[in-house]
Amino acid sequence: MNVPADLKYTASHEWIRAEADGSVTIGITDHAQESLGDLVFIELPEKGRRVTANEACAIVESVKAASDIYAPVAGEIVAVNDAVVGAPEKVNADAYANWLFKLKPVNSADVAKLLDAAAYTAAIGKE
């Protein structure tokens, strides 16, 4: 199971990478894509949408189930990855290279409060 140490995580299986411009890039973890199975549909939020922390703002569907994707922190959606909408299987191939959306946090300090790799690994029981 791949849990990169340089990322932050949520208990709902999103990964978060802080960017140099102050935005954060968000995707689903390797554990999430593995649990879901083959992804067949991804719906992303509209650019410019304002979201609150833990708000459902995207959907991934697999052959097994549909799952909401939550904003890890409050902010504004500043980019979406249309490439994964057209080819959801890219997320199965490499969950960390194929992000879903980017947001500009209202409070960048909120990102530091998210789970680190060790805490996420413990939360999913894969120590």
Protein backbone atom coordinates (compact mmCIF):
# COMPACT_ATOMS: atom_id res chain seq x y z
CA MET A 1 0.00 0.00 0.00
CA ASN A 2 1.40 3.35 -1.08
CA VAL A 3 1.08 6.19 1.50
CA PRO A 4 3.57 8.94 0.55
CA ALA A 5 5.07 10.64 3.60
CA ASP A 6 5.06 14.11 2.01
CA LEU A 7 1.25 14.32 1.77
CA LYS A 8 -1.56 14.98 4.25
CA TYR A 9 -4.65 12.76 4.47
CA THR A 10 -8.24 12.65 5.68
CA ALA A 11 -10.09 9.82 7.40
CA SER A 12 -12.40 9.81 4.34
CA HIS A 13 -9.42 8.79 2.12
CA GLU A 14 -8.46 12.01 0.34
CA TRP A 15 -4.79 12.96 -0.06
CA ILE A 16 -3.69 16.60 0.06
CA ARG A 17 -0.51 18.16 -1.31
CA ALA A 18 0.36 21.75 -0.37
CA GLU A 19 1.58 23.72 -3.40
CA ALA A 20 4.06 26.61 -3.53
CA ASP A 21 1.31 29.07 -4.56
CA GLY A 22 -0.69 28.37 -1.38
CA SER A 23 -3.24 26.10 -3.07
CA VAL A 24 -3.71 22.43 -2.24
CA THR A 25 -4.07 19.55 -4.67
CA ILE A 26 -6.56 16.82 -3.72
CA GLY A 27 -7.06 13.26 -4.89
CA ILE A 28 -8.12 9.90 -3.50
CA THR A 29 -5.66 7.61 -1.79
CA ASP A 30 -4.29 4.36 -3.15
CA HIS A 31 -6.28 2.59 -0.41
CA ALA A 32 -9.50 4.26 -1.62
CA GLN A 33 -9.04 3.39 -5.28
CA GLU A 34 -8.09 -0.17 -4.33
CA SER A 35 -11.20 -0.53 -2.14
CA LEU A 36 -13.48 0.90 -4.82
CA GLY A 37 -12.12 -1.20 -7.67
CA ASP A 38 -12.20 -0.13 -11.32
CA LEU A 39 -13.36 3.49 -11.54
CA VAL A 40 -15.86 4.16 -14.32
CA PHE A 41 -17.07 7.73 -13.63
CA ILE A 42 -15.76 10.86 -11.93
CA GLU A 43 -17.74 14.05 -11.32
CA LEU A 44 -15.71 17.06 -10.21
CA PRO A 45 -16.80 20.38 -8.67
CA GLU A 46 -17.09 23.56 -10.72
CA LYS A 47 -14.09 25.88 -10.75
CA GLY A 48 -14.89 28.90 -8.56
CA ARG A 49 -17.15 26.94 -6.20
CA ARG A 50 -16.66 27.72 -2.52
CA VAL A 51 -16.69 24.70 -0.23
CA THR A 52 -16.65 24.17 3.51
CA ALA A 53 -14.42 21.65 5.27
CA ASN A 54 -15.83 18.12 4.96
CA GLU A 55 -18.36 19.16 2.30
CA ALA A 56 -19.06 16.55 -0.38
CA CYS A 57 -17.94 18.20 -3.61
CA ALA A 58 -17.04 15.40 -6.05
CA ILE A 59 -18.08 11.82 -6.80
CA VAL A 60 -16.14 8.77 -7.92
CA GLU A 61 -18.00 5.71 -9.13
CA SER A 62 -16.64 2.23 -9.63
CA VAL A 63 -18.16 -0.99 -10.81
CA LYS A 64 -18.86 -1.69 -7.10
CA ALA A 65 -20.02 1.61 -5.58
CA ALA A 66 -20.26 5.39 -5.74
CA SER A 67 -18.36 7.45 -3.19
CA ASP A 68 -18.44 11.11 -2.27
CA ILE A 69 -15.17 13.04 -2.20
CA TYR A 70 -14.95 15.67 0.51
CA ALA A 71 -13.15 19.00 0.68
CA PRO A 72 -10.47 18.55 3.35
CA VAL A 73 -10.53 22.25 4.26
CA ALA A 74 -12.71 25.26 3.45
CA GLY A 75 -11.78 27.17 0.33
CA GLU A 76 -12.42 27.89 -3.32
CA ILE A 77 -11.99 25.37 -6.14
CA VAL A 78 -9.30 26.84 -8.41
CA ALA A 79 -8.71 23.93 -10.83
CA VAL A 80 -10.14 20.56 -11.83
CA ASN A 81 -8.42 17.69 -13.61
CA ASP A 82 -10.55 17.07 -16.70
CA ALA A 83 -8.14 14.32 -17.80
CA VAL A 84 -9.46 11.97 -15.09
CA VAL A 85 -13.08 12.73 -16.01
CA GLY A 86 -12.41 11.40 -19.50
CA ALA A 87 -10.29 8.50 -18.25
CA PRO A 88 -11.19 7.51 -14.65
CA GLU A 89 -8.96 4.45 -14.90
CA LYS A 90 -5.94 6.77 -14.62
CA VAL A 91 -6.72 7.10 -10.89
CA ASN A 92 -6.61 3.31 -10.55
CA ALA A 93 -3.25 3.24 -12.35
CA ASP A 94 -1.66 5.89 -10.08
CA ALA A 95 -3.84 7.53 -7.45
CA TYR A 96 -1.16 10.06 -6.45
CA ALA A 97 -0.22 11.22 -9.96
CA ASN A 98 -3.85 11.72 -10.97
CA TRP A 99 -5.33 14.43 -8.79
CA LEU A 100 -8.99 15.45 -8.85
CA PHE A 101 -9.16 19.15 -7.95
CA LYS A 102 -7.22 22.02 -6.42
CA LEU A 103 -8.47 24.54 -3.93
CA LYS A 104 -7.24 27.73 -2.32
CA PRO A 105 -7.79 27.31 1.44
CA VAL A 106 -9.53 30.01 3.45
CA ASN A 107 -7.02 29.29 6.23
CA SER A 108 -3.80 27.55 5.19
CA ALA A 109 -3.16 26.53 8.82
CA ASP A 110 -6.09 24.09 8.51
CA VAL A 111 -4.00 21.92 6.17
CA ALA A 112 -1.44 21.29 8.92
CA LYS A 113 -4.21 19.81 11.10
CA LEU A 114 -4.90 16.96 8.64
CA LEU A 115 -3.53 13.45 9.14
CA ASP A 116 0.09 12.72 8.34
CA ALA A 117 1.09 9.47 6.60
CA ALA A 118 1.63 7.57 9.88
CA ALA A 119 -1.75 8.62 11.30
CA TYR A 120 -3.54 7.74 8.05
CA THR A 121 -1.81 4.36 7.86
CA ALA A 122 -2.89 3.66 11.46
CA ALA A 123 -6.47 4.84 10.70
CA ILE A 124 -6.83 2.34 7.85
CA GLY A 125 -5.25 -0.44 9.88
CA LYS A 126 -2.34 -1.04 7.52
CA GLU A 127 0.60 -0.48 9.87
